[in-house]
PDB file of all heavy atoms in Angstrom:
ATOM      1  N   THR A   1     133.519   8.632 302.495  1.00  0.00           N
ATOM      2  CA  THR A   1     133.445   9.059 303.765  1.00  0.00           C
ATOM      3  C   THR A   1     132.153   9.672 304.092  1.00  0.00           C
ATOM      4  O   THR A   1     131.550  10.216 303.270  1.00  0.00           O
ATOM      5  CB  THR A   1     134.398  10.046 304.171  1.00  0.00           C
ATOM      6  OG1 THR A   1     133.784  10.996 304.659  1.00  0.00           O
ATOM      7  CG2 THR A   1     135.179  10.507 303.173  1.00  0.00           C
ATOM      8  N   GLN A   2     131.740   9.459 305.345  1.00  0.00           N
ATOM      9  CA  GLN A   2     130.482   9.974 305.758  1.00  0.00           C
ATOM     10  C   GLN A   2     130.638  11.257 306.455  1.00  0.00           C
ATOM     11  O   GLN A   2     130.079  12.214 306.192  1.00  0.00           O
ATOM     12  CB  GLN A   2     129.868   9.066 306.723  1.00  0.00           C
ATOM     13  CG  GLN A   2     128.955   8.441 305.983  1.00  0.00           C
ATOM     14  CD  GLN A   2     127.702   8.223 306.158  1.00  0.00           C
ATOM     15  OE1 GLN A   2     127.407   7.270 306.296  1.00  0.00           O
ATOM     16  NE2 GLN A   2     126.787   9.034 306.114  1.00  0.00           N
ATOM     17  N   PRO A   3     131.353  11.351 307.499  1.00  0.00           N
ATOM     18  CA  PRO A   3     131.390  12.626 308.074  1.00  0.00           C
ATOM     19  C   PRO A   3     132.168  13.393 307.179  1.00  0.00           C
ATOM     20  O   PRO A   3     133.317  13.280 307.121  1.00  0.00           O
ATOM     21  CB  PRO A   3     132.207  12.393 309.354  1.00  0.00           C
ATOM     22  CG  PRO A   3     132.016  10.957 309.536  1.00  0.00           C
ATOM     23  CD  PRO A   3     131.707  10.349 308.215  1.00  0.00           C
ATOM     24  N   ASN A   4     131.556  14.120 306.468  1.00  0.00           N
ATOM     25  CA  ASN A   4     132.267  14.858 305.511  1.00  0.00           C
ATOM     26  C   ASN A   4     132.896  16.063 306.045  1.00  0.00           C
ATOM     27  O   ASN A   4     132.649  17.129 305.579  1.00  0.00           O
ATOM     28  CB  ASN A   4     131.279  15.310 304.382  1.00  0.00           C
ATOM     29  CG  ASN A   4     130.352  16.202 304.942  1.00  0.00           C
ATOM     30  OD1 ASN A   4     130.345  16.540 306.041  1.00  0.00           O
ATOM     31  ND2 ASN A   4     129.520  16.706 304.281  1.00  0.00           N
ATOM     32  N   GLU A   5     133.601  16.068 306.879  1.00  0.00           N
ATOM     33  CA  GLU A   5     134.106  17.340 307.345  1.00  0.00           C
ATOM     34  C   GLU A   5     135.445  17.276 307.761  1.00  0.00           C
ATOM     35  O   GLU A   5     135.695  17.209 308.940  1.00  0.00           O
ATOM     36  CB  GLU A   5     133.234  17.841 308.396  1.00  0.00           C
ATOM     37  CG  GLU A   5     132.055  18.133 308.064  1.00  0.00           C
ATOM     38  CD  GLU A   5     130.953  17.974 307.448  1.00  0.00           C
ATOM     39  OE1 GLU A   5     130.292  17.148 307.565  1.00  0.00           O
ATOM     40  OE2 GLU A   5     130.663  18.732 306.823  1.00  0.00           O
ATOM     41  N   LYS A   6     136.345  17.149 306.998  1.00  0.00           N
ATOM     42  CA  LYS A   6     137.700  16.998 307.456  1.00  0.00           C
ATOM     43  C   LYS A   6     138.725  17.640 306.668  1.00  0.00           C
ATOM     44  O   LYS A   6     138.591  17.746 305.560  1.00  0.00           O
ATOM     45  CB  LYS A   6     138.053  15.574 307.601  1.00  0.00           C
ATOM     46  CG  LYS A   6     139.349  15.560 308.269  1.00  0.00           C
ATOM     47  CD  LYS A   6     139.830  14.321 308.334  1.00  0.00           C
ATOM     48  CE  LYS A   6     141.154  14.341 309.059  1.00  0.00           C
ATOM     49  NZ  LYS A   6     141.713  13.242 309.279  1.00  0.00           N
ATOM     50  N   GLY A   7     139.741  17.952 307.203  1.00  0.00           N
ATOM     51  CA  GLY A   7     140.925  18.390 306.631  1.00  0.00           C
ATOM     52  C   GLY A   7     141.010  19.495 305.848  1.00  0.00           C
ATOM     53  O   GLY A   7     141.283  19.405 304.715  1.00  0.00           O
ATOM     54  N   ARG A   8     140.958  20.665 306.357  1.00  0.00           N
ATOM     55  CA  ARG A   8     141.396  21.723 305.460  1.00  0.00           C
ATOM     56  C   ARG A   8     141.945  22.830 306.249  1.00  0.00           C
ATOM     57  O   ARG A   8     141.275  23.400 307.056  1.00  0.00           O
ATOM     58  CB  ARG A   8     140.271  22.364 304.701  1.00  0.00           C
ATOM     59  CG  ARG A   8     139.197  22.902 305.309  1.00  0.00           C
ATOM     60  CD  ARG A   8     138.198  22.500 305.653  1.00  0.00           C
ATOM     61  NE  ARG A   8     136.908  22.932 305.545  1.00  0.00           N
ATOM     62  CZ  ARG A   8     136.040  22.083 305.887  1.00  0.00           C
ATOM     63  NH1 ARG A   8     136.344  21.024 306.243  1.00  0.00           N
ATOM     64  NH2 ARG A   8     134.920  22.401 305.871  1.00  0.00           N
ATOM     65  N   LYS A   9     143.044  23.209 305.976  1.00  0.00           N
ATOM     66  CA  LYS A   9     143.638  24.434 306.547  1.00  0.00           C
ATOM     67  C   LYS A   9     144.060  25.266 305.307  1.00  0.00           C
ATOM     68  O   LYS A   9     144.958  25.043 304.700  1.00  0.00           O
ATOM     69  CB  LYS A   9     144.819  24.120 307.384  1.00  0.00           C
ATOM     70  CG  LYS A   9     144.394  23.452 308.637  1.00  0.00           C
ATOM     71  CD  LYS A   9     145.437  23.477 309.631  1.00  0.00           C
ATOM     72  CE  LYS A   9     145.008  22.917 310.950  1.00  0.00           C
ATOM     73  NZ  LYS A   9     145.948  22.836 311.981  1.00  0.00           N
ATOM     74  N   ASP A  10     143.164  26.173 305.079  1.00  0.00           N
ATOM     75  CA  ASP A  10     143.427  26.955 303.932  1.00  0.00           C
ATOM     76  C   ASP A  10     144.384  28.120 304.052  1.00  0.00           C
ATOM     77  O   ASP A  10     145.046  28.515 303.162  1.00  0.00           O
ATOM     78  CB  ASP A  10     142.098  27.644 303.388  1.00  0.00           C
ATOM     79  CG  ASP A  10     141.133  26.632 303.143  1.00  0.00           C
ATOM     80  OD1 ASP A  10     141.425  25.455 303.100  1.00  0.00           O
ATOM     81  OD2 ASP A  10     139.967  26.940 302.832  1.00  0.00           O
ATOM     82  N   GLY A  11     144.332  28.775 305.292  1.00  0.00           N
ATOM     83  CA  GLY A  11     145.217  29.864 305.472  1.00  0.00           C
ATOM     84  C   GLY A  11     146.671  29.462 305.483  1.00  0.00           C
ATOM     85  O   GLY A  11     147.069  28.419 305.991  1.00  0.00           O
ATOM     86  N   GLU A  12     147.497  30.316 304.939  1.00  0.00           N
ATOM     87  CA  GLU A  12     148.938  30.036 304.938  1.00  0.00           C
ATOM     88  C   GLU A  12     149.671  31.070 305.869  1.00  0.00           C
ATOM     89  O   GLU A  12     149.090  32.183 306.023  1.00  0.00           O
ATOM     90  CB  GLU A  12     149.537  30.124 303.543  1.00  0.00           C
ATOM     91  CG  GLU A  12     148.985  28.988 302.703  1.00  0.00           C
ATOM     92  CD  GLU A  12     149.841  28.801 301.485  1.00  0.00           C
ATOM     93  OE1 GLU A  12     150.840  29.583 301.291  1.00  0.00           O
ATOM     94  OE2 GLU A  12     149.598  27.902 300.692  1.00  0.00           O
ATOM     95  N   PRO A  13     150.785  30.714 306.485  1.00  0.00           N
ATOM     96  CA  PRO A  13     151.434  31.597 307.337  1.00  0.00           C
ATOM     97  C   PRO A  13     151.979  32.832 306.584  1.00  0.00           C
ATOM     98  O   PRO A  13     152.313  32.671 305.427  1.00  0.00           O
ATOM     99  CB  PRO A  13     152.592  30.775 307.977  1.00  0.00           C
ATOM    100  CG  PRO A  13     152.817  29.670 307.003  1.00  0.00           C
ATOM    101  CD  PRO A  13     151.419  29.380 306.335  1.00  0.00           C
ATOM    102  N   GLU A  14     152.107  33.884 307.259  1.00  0.00           N
ATOM    103  CA  GLU A  14     152.699  35.061 306.680  1.00  0.00           C
ATOM    104  C   GLU A  14     154.132  34.749 306.288  1.00  0.00           C
ATOM    105  O   GLU A  14     154.847  34.063 306.970  1.00  0.00           O
ATOM    106  CB  GLU A  14     152.668  36.260 307.628  1.00  0.00           C
ATOM    107  CG  GLU A  14     151.223  36.698 308.047  1.00  0.00           C
ATOM    108  CD  GLU A  14     150.587  37.411 306.914  1.00  0.00           C
ATOM    109  OE1 GLU A  14     151.282  37.907 305.990  1.00  0.00           O
ATOM    110  OE2 GLU A  14     149.346  37.552 306.931  1.00  0.00           O
ATOM    111  N   GLN A  15     154.596  35.325 305.170  1.00  0.00           N
ATOM    112  CA  GLN A  15     155.978  35.195 304.772  1.00  0.00           C
ATOM    113  C   GLN A  15     156.873  35.922 305.706  1.00  0.00           C
ATOM    114  O   GLN A  15     156.615  37.065 306.075  1.00  0.00           O
ATOM    115  CB  GLN A  15     156.153  35.677 303.318  1.00  0.00           C
ATOM    116  CG  GLN A  15     155.383  34.867 302.276  1.00  0.00           C
ATOM    117  CD  GLN A  15     155.798  33.443 302.248  1.00  0.00           C
ATOM    118  OE1 GLN A  15     157.024  33.152 302.321  1.00  0.00           O
ATOM    119  NE2 GLN A  15     154.873  32.533 302.047  1.00  0.00           N
ATOM    120  N   PRO A  16     157.979  35.292 306.160  1.00  0.00           N
ATOM    121  CA  PRO A  16     158.831  36.030 307.114  1.00  0.00           C
ATOM    122  C   PRO A  16     159.490  37.188 306.410  1.00  0.00           C
ATOM    123  O   PRO A  16     159.723  37.178 305.197  1.00  0.00           O
ATOM    124  CB  PRO A  16     159.895  34.954 307.455  1.00  0.00           C
ATOM    125  CG  PRO A  16     159.904  33.973 306.304  1.00  0.00           C
ATOM    126  CD  PRO A  16     158.438  33.988 305.847  1.00  0.00           C
ATOM    127  N   GLU A  17     159.722  38.286 307.141  1.00  0.00           N
ATOM    128  CA  GLU A  17     160.331  39.450 306.639  1.00  0.00           C
ATOM    129  C   GLU A  17     161.832  39.148 306.179  1.00  0.00           C
ATOM    130  O   GLU A  17     162.564  38.467 306.883  1.00  0.00           O
ATOM    131  CB  GLU A  17     160.368  40.572 307.700  1.00  0.00           C
ATOM    132  CG  GLU A  17     160.857  41.856 307.211  1.00  0.00           C
ATOM    133  CD  GLU A  17     160.863  42.894 308.284  1.00  0.00           C
ATOM    134  OE1 GLU A  17     160.311  42.608 309.264  1.00  0.00           O
ATOM    135  OE2 GLU A  17     161.564  43.906 308.097  1.00  0.00           O
ATOM    136  N   GLN A  18     162.151  39.572 304.958  1.00  0.00           N
ATOM    137  CA  GLN A  18     163.455  39.351 304.446  1.00  0.00           C
ATOM    138  C   GLN A  18     164.460  40.218 305.222  1.00  0.00           C
ATOM    139  O   GLN A  18     164.384  41.446 305.393  1.00  0.00           O
ATOM    140  CB  GLN A  18     163.530  39.783 302.914  1.00  0.00           C
ATOM    141  CG  GLN A  18     162.536  39.048 302.039  1.00  0.00           C
ATOM    142  CD  GLN A  18     163.041  37.632 301.726  1.00  0.00           C
ATOM    143  OE1 GLN A  18     164.150  37.402 302.022  1.00  0.00           O
ATOM    144  NE2 GLN A  18     162.248  36.881 301.075  1.00  0.00           N
ATOM    145  N   LYS A  19     165.553  39.533 305.648  1.00  0.00           N
ATOM    146  CA  LYS A  19     166.666  40.281 306.459  1.00  0.00           C
ATOM    147  C   LYS A  19     167.818  40.411 305.488  1.00  0.00           C
ATOM    148  O   LYS A  19     168.210  39.421 304.824  1.00  0.00           O
ATOM    149  CB  LYS A  19     167.025  39.547 307.684  1.00  0.00           C
ATOM    150  CG  LYS A  19     165.935  39.665 308.732  1.00  0.00           C
ATOM    151  CD  LYS A  19     166.403  39.059 310.037  1.00  0.00           C
ATOM    152  CE  LYS A  19     165.337  39.125 311.030  1.00  0.00           C
ATOM    153  NZ  LYS A  19     165.717  38.563 312.364  1.00  0.00           N
ATOM    154  N   VAL A  20     168.411  41.547 305.317  1.00  0.00           N
ATOM    155  CA  VAL A  20     169.514  41.832 304.478  1.00  0.00           C
ATOM    156  C   VAL A  20     170.745  42.351 305.186  1.00  0.00           C
ATOM    157  O   VAL A  20     170.599  43.207 306.074  1.00  0.00           O
ATOM    158  CB  VAL A  20     169.066  42.829 303.347  1.00  0.00           C
ATOM    159  CG1 VAL A  20     170.210  43.076 302.396  1.00  0.00           C
ATOM    160  CG2 VAL A  20     167.819  42.318 302.581  1.00  0.00           C
ATOM    161  N   ASP A  21     171.888  41.845 304.814  1.00  0.00           N
ATOM    162  CA  ASP A  21     173.145  42.294 305.424  1.00  0.00           C
ATOM    163  C   ASP A  21     173.502  43.589 304.770  1.00  0.00           C
ATOM    164  O   ASP A  21     173.953  43.688 303.605  1.00  0.00           O
ATOM    165  CB  ASP A  21     174.235  41.206 305.185  1.00  0.00           C
ATOM    166  CG  ASP A  21     175.585  41.649 305.813  1.00  0.00           C
ATOM    167  OD1 ASP A  21     175.621  42.753 306.381  1.00  0.00           O
ATOM    168  OD2 ASP A  21     176.449  40.825 305.830  1.00  0.00           O
ATOM    169  N   THR A  22     173.364  44.696 305.479  1.00  0.00           N
ATOM    170  CA  THR A  22     173.586  46.009 304.869  1.00  0.00           C
ATOM    171  C   THR A  22     175.032  46.224 304.535  1.00  0.00           C
ATOM    172  O   THR A  22     175.382  47.234 303.859  1.00  0.00           O
ATOM    173  CB  THR A  22     173.138  47.068 305.881  1.00  0.00           C
ATOM    174  OG1 THR A  22     173.698  46.890 307.117  1.00  0.00           O
ATOM    175  CG2 THR A  22     171.568  46.977 306.107  1.00  0.00           C
ATOM    176  N   THR A  23     175.930  45.403 305.008  1.00  0.00           N
ATOM    177  CA  THR A  23     177.337  45.582 304.679  1.00  0.00           C
ATOM    178  C   THR A  23     177.658  45.000 303.321  1.00  0.00           C
ATOM    179  O   THR A  23     178.805  45.272 302.825  1.00  0.00           O
ATOM    180  CB  THR A  23     178.290  44.995 305.755  1.00  0.00           C
ATOM    181  OG1 THR A  23     178.027  43.512 305.771  1.00  0.00           O
ATOM    182  CG2 THR A  23     177.882  45.474 307.158  1.00  0.00           C
ATOM    183  N   ASP A  24     176.890  44.305 302.781  1.00  0.00           N
ATOM    184  CA  ASP A  24     177.112  43.656 301.418  1.00  0.00           C
ATOM    185  C   ASP A  24     176.103  44.164 300.401  1.00  0.00           C
ATOM    186  O   ASP A  24     175.003  43.731 300.371  1.00  0.00           O
ATOM    187  CB  ASP A  24     177.037  42.193 301.555  1.00  0.00           C
ATOM    188  CG  ASP A  24     177.502  41.452 300.306  1.00  0.00           C
ATOM    189  OD1 ASP A  24     177.368  41.994 299.247  1.00  0.00           O
ATOM    190  OD2 ASP A  24     177.940  40.389 300.312  1.00  0.00           O
ATOM    191  N   LYS A  25     176.491  45.124 299.608  1.00  0.00           N
ATOM    192  CA  LYS A  25     175.591  45.710 298.674  1.00  0.00           C
ATOM    193  C   LYS A  25     175.073  44.776 297.630  1.00  0.00           C
ATOM    194  O   LYS A  25     173.918  44.772 297.209  1.00  0.00           O
ATOM    195  CB  LYS A  25     176.198  46.956 297.953  1.00  0.00           C
ATOM    196  CG  LYS A  25     176.270  48.111 298.870  1.00  0.00           C
ATOM    197  CD  LYS A  25     176.666  49.351 298.099  1.00  0.00           C
ATOM    198  CE  LYS A  25     176.683  50.606 298.989  1.00  0.00           C
ATOM    199  NZ  LYS A  25     177.017  51.773 298.254  1.00  0.00           N
ATOM    200  N   SER A  26     175.960  43.857 297.207  1.00  0.00           N
ATOM    201  CA  SER A  26     175.513  42.909 296.235  1.00  0.00           C
ATOM    202  C   SER A  26     174.422  42.001 296.743  1.00  0.00           C
ATOM    203  O   SER A  26     173.459  41.660 296.022  1.00  0.00           O
ATOM    204  CB  SER A  26     176.748  42.121 295.670  1.00  0.00           C
ATOM    205  OG  SER A  26     177.265  41.332 296.800  1.00  0.00           O
ATOM    206  N   ALA A  27     174.668  41.565 297.959  1.00  0.00           N
ATOM    207  CA  ALA A  27     173.677  40.670 298.615  1.00  0.00           C
ATOM    208  C   ALA A  27     172.325  41.412 298.711  1.00  0.00           C
ATOM    209  O   ALA A  27     171.239  40.878 298.542  1.00  0.00           O
ATOM    210  CB  ALA A  27     174.124  40.155 299.998  1.00  0.00           C
ATOM    211  N   LYS A  28     172.453  42.692 299.133  1.00  0.00           N
ATOM    212  CA  LYS A  28     171.300  43.517 299.309  1.00  0.00           C
ATOM    213  C   LYS A  28     170.555  43.661 298.022  1.00  0.00           C
ATOM    214  O   LYS A  28     169.294  43.520 297.987  1.00  0.00           O
ATOM    215  CB  LYS A  28     171.630  44.925 299.837  1.00  0.00           C
ATOM    216  CG  LYS A  28     170.427  45.786 300.121  1.00  0.00           C
ATOM    217  CD  LYS A  28     170.951  47.103 300.750  1.00  0.00           C
ATOM    218  CE  LYS A  28     169.739  47.988 301.124  1.00  0.00           C
ATOM    219  NZ  LYS A  28     170.151  49.205 301.752  1.00  0.00           N
ATOM    220  N   THR A  29     171.235  43.927 296.935  1.00  0.00           N
ATOM    221  CA  THR A  29     170.636  44.038 295.649  1.00  0.00           C
ATOM    222  C   THR A  29     169.924  42.758 295.295  1.00  0.00           C
ATOM    223  O   THR A  29     168.762  42.800 294.732  1.00  0.00           O
ATOM    224  CB  THR A  29     171.642  44.427 294.581  1.00  0.00           C
ATOM    225  OG1 THR A  29     172.255  45.693 295.010  1.00  0.00           O
ATOM    226  CG2 THR A  29     170.986  44.620 293.226  1.00  0.00           C
ATOM    227  N   ALA A  30     170.624  41.678 295.442  1.00  0.00           N
ATOM    228  CA  ALA A  30     170.042  40.363 295.034  1.00  0.00           C
ATOM    229  C   ALA A  30     168.762  40.133 295.806  1.00  0.00           C
ATOM    230  O   ALA A  30     167.791  39.617 295.213  1.00  0.00           O
ATOM    231  CB  ALA A  30     171.075  39.218 295.327  1.00  0.00           C
ATOM    232  N   LYS A  31     168.748  40.322 297.107  1.00  0.00           N
ATOM    233  CA  LYS A  31     167.582  40.089 297.863  1.00  0.00           C
ATOM    234  C   LYS A  31     166.474  40.978 297.598  1.00  0.00           C
ATOM    235  O   LYS A  31     165.279  40.744 297.601  1.00  0.00           O
ATOM    236  CB  LYS A  31     167.957  40.023 299.361  1.00  0.00           C
ATOM    237  CG  LYS A  31     168.794  38.849 299.680  1.00  0.00           C
ATOM    238  CD  LYS A  31     168.938  38.650 301.249  1.00  0.00           C
ATOM    239  CE  LYS A  31     169.735  37.384 301.583  1.00  0.00           C
ATOM    240  NZ  LYS A  31     169.852  37.175 303.000  1.00  0.00           N
ATOM    241  N   THR A  32     166.814  42.227 297.314  1.00  0.00           N
ATOM    242  CA  THR A  32     165.889  43.250 297.013  1.00  0.00           C
ATOM    243  C   THR A  32     165.114  42.974 295.685  1.00  0.00           C
ATOM    244  O   THR A  32     163.895  43.137 295.600  1.00  0.00           O
ATOM    245  CB  THR A  32     166.437  44.687 296.972  1.00  0.00           C
ATOM    246  OG1 THR A  32     167.105  44.960 298.263  1.00  0.00           O
ATOM    247  CG2 THR A  32     165.365  45.685 296.755  1.00  0.00           C
ATOM    248  N   ASP A  33     165.945  42.484 294.772  1.00  0.00           N
ATOM    249  CA  ASP A  33     165.302  42.301 293.387  1.00  0.00           C
ATOM    250  C   ASP A  33     164.453  40.951 293.409  1.00  0.00           C
ATOM    251  O   ASP A  33     163.703  40.711 292.424  1.00  0.00           O
ATOM    252  CB  ASP A  33     166.409  42.171 292.389  1.00  0.00           C
ATOM    253  CG  ASP A  33     167.136  43.519 292.178  1.00  0.00           C
ATOM    254  OD1 ASP A  33     166.526  44.487 292.577  1.00  0.00           O
ATOM    255  OD2 ASP A  33     168.222  43.563 291.669  1.00  0.00           O
TER     256      ASP A  33
END
């Protein structure tokens, strides 16, 4: 290729914040760990 200037998107999106069901301690522990 000649126009050497294509294709890069280096940045990645921020990871979504983890949501935890506070009524289920086991699930909370699993997700926290």
